[in-house]
N, C-alpha and C. Protein backbone atom coordinates (compact mmCIF):
# COMPACT_ATOMS: atom_id res chain seq x y z
N MET A 1 114.24 262.96 138.50
CA MET A 1 113.49 261.65 139.06
C MET A 1 112.61 261.37 138.94
N ASN A 2 112.36 260.16 138.95
CA ASN A 2 111.50 259.02 138.31
C ASN A 2 109.97 259.44 138.86
N ARG A 3 108.57 259.43 138.91
CA ARG A 3 107.44 259.67 139.11
C ARG A 3 107.38 258.84 140.68
N LEU A 4 107.84 257.56 140.42
CA LEU A 4 107.35 256.33 141.28
C LEU A 4 108.15 257.00 142.74
N LEU A 5 109.30 257.17 142.37
CA LEU A 5 110.55 257.41 143.53
C LEU A 5 110.04 259.04 143.85
N ALA A 6 109.42 259.97 143.43
CA ALA A 6 108.70 261.10 143.77
C ALA A 6 107.81 260.87 145.04
N LEU A 7 106.67 259.96 144.24
CA LEU A 7 105.71 259.49 144.69
C LEU A 7 105.91 258.69 146.54
N THR A 8 107.07 258.17 146.09
CA THR A 8 107.45 257.23 147.33
C THR A 8 108.04 257.91 148.35
N ILE A 9 108.57 259.17 148.41
CA ILE A 9 109.27 260.18 149.50
C ILE A 9 108.42 260.85 149.21
N ALA A 10 107.37 261.30 148.63
CA ALA A 10 106.28 261.96 149.53
C ALA A 10 105.48 261.53 150.71
N LEU A 11 105.11 260.24 150.22
CA LEU A 11 104.24 259.35 151.21
C LEU A 11 105.19 259.03 152.75
N VAL A 12 106.77 258.96 152.38
CA VAL A 12 107.21 258.80 153.51
C VAL A 12 107.45 260.21 154.26
N LEU A 13 107.66 261.05 153.92
CA LEU A 13 107.51 262.39 154.51
C LEU A 13 106.08 262.58 155.13
N SER A 14 105.22 262.42 154.50
CA SER A 14 103.47 262.45 155.06
C SER A 14 103.35 261.66 156.16
N GLY A 15 104.29 260.64 156.55
CA GLY A 15 104.02 259.77 157.56
C GLY A 15 103.28 258.60 157.03
N GLN A 16 102.62 258.51 155.88
CA GLN A 16 102.24 256.76 155.48
C GLN A 16 103.05 255.82 154.92
N THR A 17 102.63 254.71 155.11
CA THR A 17 103.52 253.66 154.95
C THR A 17 103.39 253.22 153.43
N VAL A 18 104.38 253.13 152.64
CA VAL A 18 104.07 252.40 151.07
C VAL A 18 104.44 250.95 151.81
N VAL A 19 103.03 250.72 150.95
CA VAL A 19 102.68 248.93 150.84
C VAL A 19 103.12 248.35 149.23
N ASP A 20 104.13 247.35 149.29
CA ASP A 20 104.89 246.98 148.10
C ASP A 20 103.79 245.77 147.77
N ALA A 21 103.14 246.07 146.40
CA ALA A 21 101.62 245.29 146.09
C ALA A 21 102.25 243.67 145.58
N GLN A 22 103.55 243.44 145.20
CA GLN A 22 104.26 242.18 145.47
C GLN A 22 104.46 241.38 146.64
N ALA A 23 104.33 242.02 147.90
CA ALA A 23 104.62 241.36 148.80
C ALA A 23 103.83 240.19 148.96
N PRO A 24 104.48 239.53 149.87
CA PRO A 24 103.37 237.85 149.96
C PRO A 24 102.57 238.24 151.41
N PRO A 25 101.64 237.71 151.49
CA PRO A 25 100.53 237.69 152.54
C PRO A 25 101.27 236.80 153.90
N PRO A 26 101.24 237.58 154.61
CA PRO A 26 101.89 237.57 156.02
C PRO A 26 100.78 235.79 156.41
N PRO A 27 102.28 234.86 156.89
CA PRO A 27 102.11 233.76 157.21
C PRO A 27 100.97 233.44 158.23
N GLN A 28 99.74 232.68 158.20
CA GLN A 28 98.74 232.27 158.76
C GLN A 28 99.07 230.74 158.91
N LEU A 29 97.92 230.58 160.45
CA LEU A 29 97.71 229.14 160.74
C LEU A 29 96.44 229.05 160.61
N GLN A 30 95.96 227.68 160.06
CA GLN A 30 94.74 227.19 160.23
C GLN A 30 94.53 226.24 160.91
N ILE A 31 93.24 225.76 161.15
CA ILE A 31 92.86 224.68 161.73
C ILE A 31 91.68 223.86 160.89
N THR A 32 91.73 222.44 160.77
CA THR A 32 90.82 221.71 159.93
C THR A 32 90.44 220.70 160.67
N ILE A 33 89.20 220.82 161.51
CA ILE A 33 88.36 219.63 161.94
C ILE A 33 88.69 218.20 160.90
N LEU A 34 88.73 217.13 161.40
CA LEU A 34 89.30 215.65 160.93
C LEU A 34 88.16 214.80 161.30
N ASP A 35 88.05 214.93 162.42
CA ASP A 35 86.87 214.29 162.99
C ASP A 35 86.08 214.46 164.26
N GLY A 36 85.25 214.32 164.60
CA GLY A 36 84.55 214.38 165.93
C GLY A 36 83.48 215.75 165.87
N GLU A 37 83.53 216.46 164.63
CA GLU A 37 82.37 217.41 164.40
C GLU A 37 80.91 216.66 164.61
N GLY A 38 80.21 217.21 165.51
CA GLY A 38 78.81 216.73 165.34
C GLY A 38 78.48 215.01 165.66
N ALA A 39 79.31 215.12 166.61
CA ALA A 39 79.30 213.27 167.56
C ALA A 39 78.54 213.28 168.72
N LEU A 40 77.77 212.12 168.79
CA LEU A 40 77.03 211.88 169.62
C LEU A 40 77.72 211.08 170.59
N ASN A 41 77.95 211.84 171.85
CA ASN A 41 78.45 210.92 173.00
C ASN A 41 77.65 210.08 173.68
N ASN A 42 78.02 208.93 174.21
CA ASN A 42 76.93 208.22 174.91
C ASN A 42 76.96 208.20 175.96
N ILE A 43 76.05 208.80 176.99
CA ILE A 43 76.41 208.83 178.17
C ILE A 43 76.33 207.24 179.00
N LYS A 44 75.32 206.78 178.93
CA LYS A 44 75.33 205.28 179.31
C LYS A 44 76.42 204.41 179.33
N GLN A 45 77.24 204.17 178.14
CA GLN A 45 78.77 203.73 177.81
C GLN A 45 79.45 204.00 177.80
N GLN A 46 79.66 205.66 177.93
CA GLN A 46 80.90 205.78 178.40
C GLN A 46 81.76 206.21 177.35
N THR A 47 81.20 206.33 176.24
CA THR A 47 82.05 205.95 174.95
C THR A 47 81.75 207.69 174.10
N ALA A 48 82.98 208.27 173.60
CA ALA A 48 82.96 209.15 173.17
C ALA A 48 83.83 209.51 171.70
N ARG A 49 83.30 210.38 170.74
CA ARG A 49 84.13 210.42 169.59
C ARG A 49 85.47 211.40 169.59
N GLU A 50 86.49 211.02 169.97
CA GLU A 50 88.01 211.69 170.08
C GLU A 50 87.98 212.75 168.73
N PRO A 51 88.37 213.89 169.13
CA PRO A 51 88.05 215.07 168.23
C PRO A 51 89.84 215.03 167.88
N ILE A 52 90.16 214.84 166.57
CA ILE A 52 91.06 215.15 165.69
C ILE A 52 91.07 216.29 164.63
N VAL A 53 92.11 217.18 164.71
CA VAL A 53 92.20 218.09 163.94
C VAL A 53 93.65 218.30 163.17
N GLN A 54 93.56 218.95 162.05
CA GLN A 54 95.18 219.26 161.60
C GLN A 54 95.25 220.32 161.22
N VAL A 55 96.66 220.80 161.49
CA VAL A 55 97.26 222.31 161.62
C VAL A 55 97.93 222.54 160.47
N GLU A 56 97.51 223.50 159.69
CA GLU A 56 97.88 223.65 158.58
C GLU A 56 98.38 225.02 158.47
N ASP A 57 99.26 225.72 157.14
CA ASP A 57 99.86 227.00 156.83
C ASP A 57 98.94 227.63 156.08
N GLU A 58 99.07 228.52 155.67
CA GLU A 58 98.34 229.45 154.69
C GLU A 58 98.21 228.79 153.00
N ASN A 59 98.85 228.09 152.84
CA ASN A 59 99.06 227.45 151.88
C ASN A 59 98.35 225.44 151.81
N HIS A 60 97.59 225.99 153.13
CA HIS A 60 97.37 224.03 153.35
C HIS A 60 98.44 222.90 153.32
N LYS A 61 99.41 223.43 153.87
CA LYS A 61 100.51 222.65 154.18
C LYS A 61 100.26 221.89 155.47
N PRO A 62 100.83 220.97 156.17
CA PRO A 62 100.73 220.97 157.20
C PRO A 62 101.50 221.50 157.98
N ILE A 63 101.49 221.46 159.46
CA ILE A 63 102.68 221.80 160.31
C ILE A 63 102.85 221.05 161.15
N ALA A 64 103.93 220.40 161.61
CA ALA A 64 104.67 219.42 162.59
C ALA A 64 105.03 220.45 163.87
N GLY A 65 104.72 219.87 165.01
CA GLY A 65 105.17 220.54 166.36
C GLY A 65 104.38 221.43 166.88
N ALA A 66 103.06 221.72 166.17
CA ALA A 66 102.31 223.25 166.87
C ALA A 66 101.79 222.55 168.39
N LEU A 67 101.82 223.23 169.11
CA LEU A 67 100.72 223.24 170.19
C LEU A 67 99.20 223.28 169.81
N VAL A 68 98.80 222.13 170.34
CA VAL A 68 97.35 222.00 169.79
C VAL A 68 96.26 221.95 171.41
N ILE A 69 95.95 222.67 172.07
CA ILE A 69 94.82 222.82 173.01
C ILE A 69 93.69 222.58 172.94
N PHE A 70 92.86 221.49 173.06
CA PHE A 70 91.66 221.02 173.06
C PHE A 70 90.88 221.38 175.09
N SER A 71 89.89 222.42 174.60
CA SER A 71 89.11 222.96 176.05
C SER A 71 87.56 222.58 176.08
N LEU A 72 87.39 221.74 176.92
CA LEU A 72 85.95 221.29 177.08
C LEU A 72 84.98 222.22 178.03
N PRO A 73 83.99 222.49 178.17
CA PRO A 73 83.18 223.39 179.00
C PRO A 73 83.60 222.93 180.24
N GLN A 74 83.47 224.12 181.22
CA GLN A 74 83.69 223.91 182.69
C GLN A 74 82.43 223.40 183.34
N SER A 75 81.21 223.38 182.79
CA SER A 75 79.95 223.14 183.27
C SER A 75 79.15 222.75 182.15
N GLY A 76 78.19 221.94 182.61
CA GLY A 76 77.21 221.57 181.56
C GLY A 76 77.72 220.26 180.84
N PRO A 77 76.90 220.06 179.58
CA PRO A 77 77.10 219.05 178.81
C PRO A 77 78.53 218.96 178.50
N GLY A 78 79.36 218.47 178.76
CA GLY A 78 80.62 218.01 178.24
C GLY A 78 81.58 216.61 178.71
N GLY A 79 82.26 216.85 179.26
CA GLY A 79 83.22 215.60 179.78
C GLY A 79 84.59 215.81 180.28
N THR A 80 85.18 215.25 180.25
CA THR A 80 86.73 214.91 180.51
C THR A 80 87.91 214.07 179.47
N PHE A 81 89.00 214.66 179.75
CA PHE A 81 90.20 213.93 179.03
C PHE A 81 90.66 212.96 179.78
N ALA A 82 91.76 212.24 179.66
CA ALA A 82 92.14 211.23 180.25
C ALA A 82 92.55 212.28 181.64
N GLY A 83 92.80 211.67 182.56
CA GLY A 83 93.31 212.03 183.88
C GLY A 83 92.21 212.69 184.26
N GLY A 84 90.74 213.36 184.14
CA GLY A 84 89.81 213.76 184.43
C GLY A 84 89.86 215.44 184.21
N SER A 85 91.09 215.73 183.23
CA SER A 85 90.71 217.25 182.93
C SER A 85 89.95 217.69 182.14
N THR A 86 89.62 218.76 181.78
CA THR A 86 88.84 219.54 180.73
C THR A 86 89.65 219.95 179.84
N VAL A 87 90.48 219.69 179.73
CA VAL A 87 91.86 220.44 179.02
C VAL A 87 93.04 219.31 178.52
N PHE A 88 92.94 218.85 177.30
CA PHE A 88 93.96 218.24 176.81
C PHE A 88 95.09 219.20 175.62
N ASN A 89 96.26 218.59 176.01
CA ASN A 89 97.56 219.74 175.30
C ASN A 89 98.12 218.50 174.46
N GLY A 90 98.22 218.83 173.46
CA GLY A 90 98.49 218.09 172.25
C GLY A 90 99.83 218.53 171.25
N VAL A 91 100.54 217.70 170.81
CA VAL A 91 101.44 218.28 169.31
C VAL A 91 101.23 217.73 168.37
N SER A 92 101.04 218.39 167.07
CA SER A 92 100.51 217.67 165.92
C SER A 92 101.51 217.12 165.27
N ASP A 93 101.43 216.09 164.85
CA ASP A 93 102.55 215.18 164.47
C ASP A 93 103.12 215.95 162.73
N ALA A 94 103.82 214.59 162.03
CA ALA A 94 104.21 215.35 160.96
C ALA A 94 103.48 215.28 159.64
N ASN A 95 101.97 214.87 159.58
CA ASN A 95 100.96 215.22 159.16
C ASN A 95 100.05 216.22 159.56
N GLY A 96 100.47 217.01 160.47
CA GLY A 96 99.94 218.10 161.22
C GLY A 96 98.40 217.95 162.20
N HIS A 97 98.52 216.76 162.34
CA HIS A 97 97.38 216.08 162.99
C HIS A 97 97.88 215.96 164.64
N ALA A 98 96.40 216.56 165.29
CA ALA A 98 96.64 216.26 166.70
C ALA A 98 95.10 215.56 166.93
N ILE A 99 95.30 214.67 168.25
CA ILE A 99 94.26 213.75 168.23
C ILE A 99 94.04 214.04 170.00
N ALA A 100 92.52 214.34 170.86
CA ALA A 100 92.60 214.59 172.19
C ALA A 100 92.08 213.25 172.44
N THR A 101 92.98 212.84 173.08
CA THR A 101 92.65 211.04 173.47
C THR A 101 91.99 211.07 174.98
N GLY A 102 91.43 209.83 175.19
CA GLY A 102 90.74 209.91 176.40
C GLY A 102 89.34 210.50 176.79
N LEU A 103 89.04 210.84 175.77
CA LEU A 103 87.23 211.80 175.96
C LEU A 103 86.37 210.73 176.32
N THR A 104 86.00 211.36 177.38
CA THR A 104 84.89 210.53 178.24
C THR A 104 83.54 211.69 178.46
N PRO A 105 82.41 211.41 177.87
CA PRO A 105 81.12 212.34 178.34
C PRO A 105 80.89 212.32 179.74
N ASN A 106 80.76 213.58 180.41
CA ASN A 106 79.92 213.65 181.91
C ASN A 106 78.77 213.11 181.13
N ASN A 107 77.79 213.10 182.92
CA ASN A 107 76.43 212.58 182.85
C ASN A 107 75.14 213.66 182.44
N ILE A 108 75.99 214.88 181.98
CA ILE A 108 74.55 215.89 181.26
C ILE A 108 74.53 215.54 179.91
N ALA A 109 73.30 215.57 179.32
CA ALA A 109 72.75 215.73 178.16
C ALA A 109 72.71 216.77 177.56
N GLY A 110 73.08 217.14 176.31
CA GLY A 110 72.94 218.18 175.49
C GLY A 110 74.35 218.65 174.72
N LYS A 111 73.91 219.64 174.21
CA LYS A 111 75.00 220.04 172.81
C LYS A 111 76.12 221.26 173.99
N TYR A 112 77.02 220.73 173.34
CA TYR A 112 78.25 221.81 173.68
C TYR A 112 79.72 221.71 172.58
N GLN A 113 80.37 222.66 172.85
CA GLN A 113 81.78 222.75 172.05
C GLN A 113 83.05 222.45 172.46
N ILE A 114 83.73 222.12 172.04
CA ILE A 114 85.10 222.16 172.54
C ILE A 114 85.94 223.16 171.55
N GLN A 115 86.46 223.81 172.53
CA GLN A 115 87.45 224.88 172.09
C GLN A 115 88.61 224.43 171.12
N VAL A 116 89.10 224.82 170.34
CA VAL A 116 90.27 224.26 169.99
C VAL A 116 91.70 225.53 169.34
N THR A 117 92.79 225.39 169.99
CA THR A 117 93.71 226.55 169.67
C THR A 117 94.84 225.86 169.39
N ALA A 118 95.41 226.27 168.15
CA ALA A 118 96.78 225.84 167.77
C ALA A 118 97.76 227.02 167.73
N LYS A 119 98.78 226.82 168.45
CA LYS A 119 99.98 227.75 168.11
C LYS A 119 101.55 227.15 167.94
N TYR A 120 101.94 228.21 167.11
CA TYR A 120 103.00 227.70 166.11
C TYR A 120 103.79 229.14 166.13
N HIS A 121 104.91 228.98 166.70
CA HIS A 121 105.78 230.38 166.80
C HIS A 121 105.15 231.44 167.55
N ASN A 122 104.87 232.38 166.57
CA ASN A 122 104.00 233.48 166.87
C ASN A 122 102.81 233.68 166.49
N LEU A 123 102.13 232.36 165.63
CA LEU A 123 101.05 232.49 165.09
C LEU A 123 99.88 231.80 166.25
N THR A 124 98.55 232.10 165.99
CA THR A 124 97.65 231.45 166.67
C THR A 124 96.29 230.87 165.80
N ALA A 125 95.80 230.21 165.97
CA ALA A 125 94.40 229.90 165.16
C ALA A 125 93.64 229.02 166.07
N HIS A 126 91.89 229.59 166.48
CA HIS A 126 90.77 229.27 166.95
C HIS A 126 89.81 228.63 166.11
N THR A 127 89.53 227.54 166.44
CA THR A 127 87.86 226.86 165.93
C THR A 127 87.38 226.18 166.97
N SER A 128 85.92 225.68 166.82
CA SER A 128 85.52 224.90 168.01
C SER A 128 84.87 223.85 166.79
N ILE A 129 84.51 222.59 167.96
CA ILE A 129 84.05 221.41 167.53
C ILE A 129 82.85 221.23 168.34
N ASN A 130 81.45 220.93 167.66
CA ASN A 130 80.05 220.45 168.04
C ASN A 130 80.29 219.21 168.45
N GLN A 131 79.71 218.85 169.57
CA GLN A 131 79.27 217.66 170.09
C GLN A 131 78.18 217.82 170.56
N SER A 132 77.46 216.34 171.34
CA SER A 132 76.47 216.37 171.78
C SER A 132 76.58 215.14 173.00
N ASN A 133 75.94 215.01 174.39
CA ASN A 133 75.92 214.00 175.29
C ASN A 133 74.65 213.66 174.75
N PHE A 134 74.10 212.16 174.96
CA PHE A 134 72.74 211.78 174.96
C PHE A 134 72.77 210.44 175.63
N MET A 135 71.73 210.45 176.52
CA MET A 135 71.42 209.19 177.17
C MET A 135 71.22 207.81 176.33
N GLY A 136 71.88 207.00 176.35
CA GLY A 136 72.12 205.63 175.33
C GLY A 136 70.62 205.12 174.86
N SER A 137 69.50 205.35 175.62
CA SER A 137 68.32 204.71 175.18
C SER A 137 67.83 206.05 173.97
N THR A 138 67.78 207.12 174.22
CA THR A 138 67.26 208.26 173.27
C THR A 138 67.44 207.94 171.46
N VAL A 139 68.65 207.70 171.52
CA VAL A 139 68.83 207.34 170.06
C VAL A 139 68.58 206.08 169.28
N SER A 140 68.85 205.01 170.40
CA SER A 140 68.52 203.73 170.09
C SER A 140 66.81 203.75 169.89
N THR A 141 65.98 204.31 170.63
CA THR A 141 64.52 204.05 170.94
C THR A 141 64.35 204.50 169.31
N ALA A 142 64.57 205.75 169.19
CA ALA A 142 64.35 206.56 167.70
C ALA A 142 64.69 205.93 166.51
N HIS A 143 65.82 205.41 166.65
CA HIS A 143 66.56 204.32 165.75
C HIS A 143 65.68 202.84 165.24
N ALA A 144 65.06 202.16 166.48
CA ALA A 144 64.34 201.21 166.49
C ALA A 144 62.91 201.52 165.84
N ALA A 145 62.24 202.95 166.36
CA ALA A 145 61.19 203.40 165.81
C ALA A 145 61.22 203.51 164.28
N THR A 146 62.05 204.17 163.77
CA THR A 146 62.33 204.57 162.57
C THR A 146 62.56 203.09 161.78
N HIS A 147 62.69 202.14 162.04
CA HIS A 147 62.92 200.74 161.39
C HIS A 147 62.01 199.79 161.94
N ALA A 148 61.71 200.22 162.82
CA ALA A 148 60.50 198.82 163.40
C ALA A 148 59.49 198.63 162.11
N PHE A 149 58.76 199.46 161.74
CA PHE A 149 57.75 199.09 160.45
C PHE A 149 58.22 198.22 159.29
N PRO A 150 59.65 198.40 158.73
CA PRO A 150 59.72 197.57 157.43
C PRO A 150 60.19 196.68 158.04
N LEU A 151 60.93 196.07 159.22
CA LEU A 151 61.58 194.71 159.58
C LEU A 151 59.88 194.17 160.14
N LYS A 152 59.08 194.30 160.53
CA LYS A 152 57.46 193.80 161.01
C LYS A 152 57.12 193.32 159.96
N ALA A 153 56.73 194.23 158.66
CA ALA A 153 56.26 194.05 157.39
C ALA A 153 57.25 192.72 156.96
N VAL A 154 58.57 192.96 156.80
CA VAL A 154 59.05 191.55 156.39
C VAL A 154 58.71 190.06 157.11
N LEU A 155 58.74 190.13 158.15
CA LEU A 155 58.47 189.53 159.11
C LEU A 155 56.85 188.67 158.87
N ILE A 156 56.24 189.69 158.53
CA ILE A 156 54.87 189.24 158.70
C ILE A 156 54.84 188.66 157.08
N VAL A 157 55.15 189.03 155.97
CA VAL A 157 55.37 188.61 154.61
C VAL A 157 55.97 187.01 154.59
N ALA A 158 57.08 186.87 155.55
CA ALA A 158 57.74 185.61 155.64
C ALA A 158 56.76 184.55 156.43
N ALA A 159 56.24 184.94 157.48
CA ALA A 159 55.02 184.10 158.09
C ALA A 159 54.15 183.90 157.36
N VAL A 160 53.48 184.77 156.40
CA VAL A 160 52.35 184.38 155.41
C VAL A 160 52.80 183.67 154.64
N ALA A 161 53.56 183.55 153.75
CA ALA A 161 54.69 182.73 152.93
C ALA A 161 54.94 181.28 153.51
N GLY A 162 55.30 181.38 154.64
CA GLY A 162 55.62 179.95 155.41
C GLY A 162 54.18 178.93 155.61
N ALA A 163 53.33 180.21 155.88
CA ALA A 163 51.79 179.44 156.08
C ALA A 163 51.22 178.78 154.74
N VAL A 164 51.55 179.37 153.82
CA VAL A 164 50.96 178.92 152.45
C VAL A 164 51.71 177.96 151.81
N ALA A 165 53.08 177.80 152.05
CA ALA A 165 53.95 176.54 151.66
C ALA A 165 53.07 175.39 152.69
N ILE A 166 52.71 175.30 154.00
CA ILE A 166 52.29 174.47 154.78
C ILE A 166 51.17 173.86 154.23
N ALA A 167 49.92 175.05 154.03
CA ALA A 167 48.89 174.49 153.55
C ALA A 167 48.79 173.85 152.12
N VAL A 168 49.62 174.31 151.28
CA VAL A 168 50.09 173.81 149.78
C VAL A 168 50.37 172.30 150.06
N VAL A 169 51.53 171.95 151.03
CA VAL A 169 51.81 170.59 151.19
C VAL A 169 50.55 170.00 152.03
N ALA A 170 49.86 170.58 152.89
CA ALA A 170 48.92 169.35 153.25
C ALA A 170 47.79 169.13 152.30
N SER A 171 47.60 170.19 151.52
CA SER A 171 46.41 170.10 150.42
C SER A 171 46.85 168.51 149.64
N GLN A 172 48.29 168.64 149.31
CA GLN A 172 48.80 167.85 148.28
C GLN A 172 48.48 166.44 148.27
N SER A 173 48.73 166.17 150.27
CA SER A 173 48.97 164.97 150.50
C SER A 173 47.55 164.16 150.74
N GLY A 174 46.23 164.72 150.53
CA GLY A 174 45.27 164.02 150.15
C GLY A 174 45.05 162.87 151.19
N GLY A 175 44.33 162.07 150.50
CA GLY A 175 44.28 160.93 151.36
C GLY A 175 44.99 159.59 151.85
N GLY A 176 46.27 159.86 150.91
CA GLY A 176 47.49 158.99 150.57
C GLY A 176 48.07 158.65 151.82
N PRO A 177 49.09 158.03 151.94
CA PRO A 177 50.05 157.66 152.75
C PRO A 177 49.89 158.98 153.59
N SER A 178 50.32 158.94 155.18
CA SER A 178 50.41 160.06 155.93
C SER A 178 51.75 160.77 155.77
N THR A 179 51.45 161.79 155.65
CA THR A 179 52.20 163.28 155.71
C THR A 179 52.87 163.65 157.14
N THR A 180 53.69 163.43 157.26
CA THR A 180 54.56 164.64 158.67
C THR A 180 54.93 165.81 157.90
N ILE A 181 54.67 167.17 158.59
CA ILE A 181 54.75 168.23 158.75
C ILE A 181 55.54 168.67 159.69
N THR A 182 56.68 169.01 159.41
CA THR A 182 57.67 169.39 160.52
C THR A 182 58.03 171.15 160.72
N ALA A 183 57.98 171.56 161.75
CA ALA A 183 57.74 172.89 161.73
C ALA A 183 59.09 173.78 161.42
N GLY A 184 58.74 174.57 160.36
CA GLY A 184 60.23 175.24 160.10
C GLY A 184 61.12 176.14 161.03
N THR A 185 61.89 176.92 160.75
CA THR A 185 62.67 177.62 161.63
C THR A 185 61.44 178.81 162.14
N PRO A 186 61.68 179.08 163.40
CA PRO A 186 60.80 180.05 163.93
C PRO A 186 61.00 181.65 163.64
N THR A 187 60.08 182.22 163.87
CA THR A 187 60.29 183.87 163.16
C THR A 187 60.36 184.44 164.54
N VAL A 188 60.79 186.04 164.29
CA VAL A 188 60.81 186.29 165.88
C VAL A 188 60.56 187.53 165.37
N GLY A 189 59.44 188.22 166.14
CA GLY A 189 58.40 189.28 166.26
C GLY A 189 59.50 190.73 165.52
N ALA A 190 59.25 191.96 165.30
CA ALA A 190 59.82 193.06 165.50
C ALA A 190 60.44 193.64 166.84
N PRO A 191 61.17 194.43 166.87
CA PRO A 191 61.49 194.89 168.35
C PRO A 191 60.30 195.77 168.69
N SER A 192 60.33 195.74 169.98
CA SER A 192 59.10 196.40 170.45
C SER A 192 59.90 197.94 170.90
N VAL A 193 59.33 198.94 170.48
CA VAL A 193 59.47 200.38 171.55
C VAL A 193 58.92 200.69 172.64
N ARG A 194 59.60 201.00 173.98
CA ARG A 194 58.80 201.44 175.10
C ARG A 194 58.75 202.92 175.06
N ARG A 195 57.91 203.81 175.12
CA ARG A 195 57.96 205.16 174.78
C ARG A 195 58.03 205.77 176.75
N ARG A 196 58.79 206.57 177.22
CA ARG A 196 58.66 206.93 178.48
C ARG A 196 57.94 208.43 178.42
């Protein structure tokens, strides 16, 4: 009797299972986030980034026909999907993609997670998509404050250059025939930032 067969019989008789080293790994389901991670959703404008995921097998090949469930928090920052529900059920397409359409932020600012579950046959996978709701003026004010100085500096340089050009033209006119100086294009000052 060869040694491998004797070892196998001994393991079976002792109640231990024999694992074939060449057996393929069990099938798995994976979720890849394609869009919506880290999105900032505008409460004032009622706009949000819709989450998009891809369902894949253990070899990263897309799976079509998987049930994909997107769940928003029941309270606190979050929102609703089309129809006012906090749960959206979708099915992955031929590319394994599923999109939770109709996402609208609620009126509570802050961070939250969209829980995503994919189911295909007897396989299940989970992931979370992080998003935030903000009042429209918060980000735009910070954005304006960040860009106010460079814009103001450019406008000041343009105004000074225009004044120098007018002074040169006026000085060259001397006492000869009268010179008409026409005002150029008016400049606009930098946007003002109001802090509350």
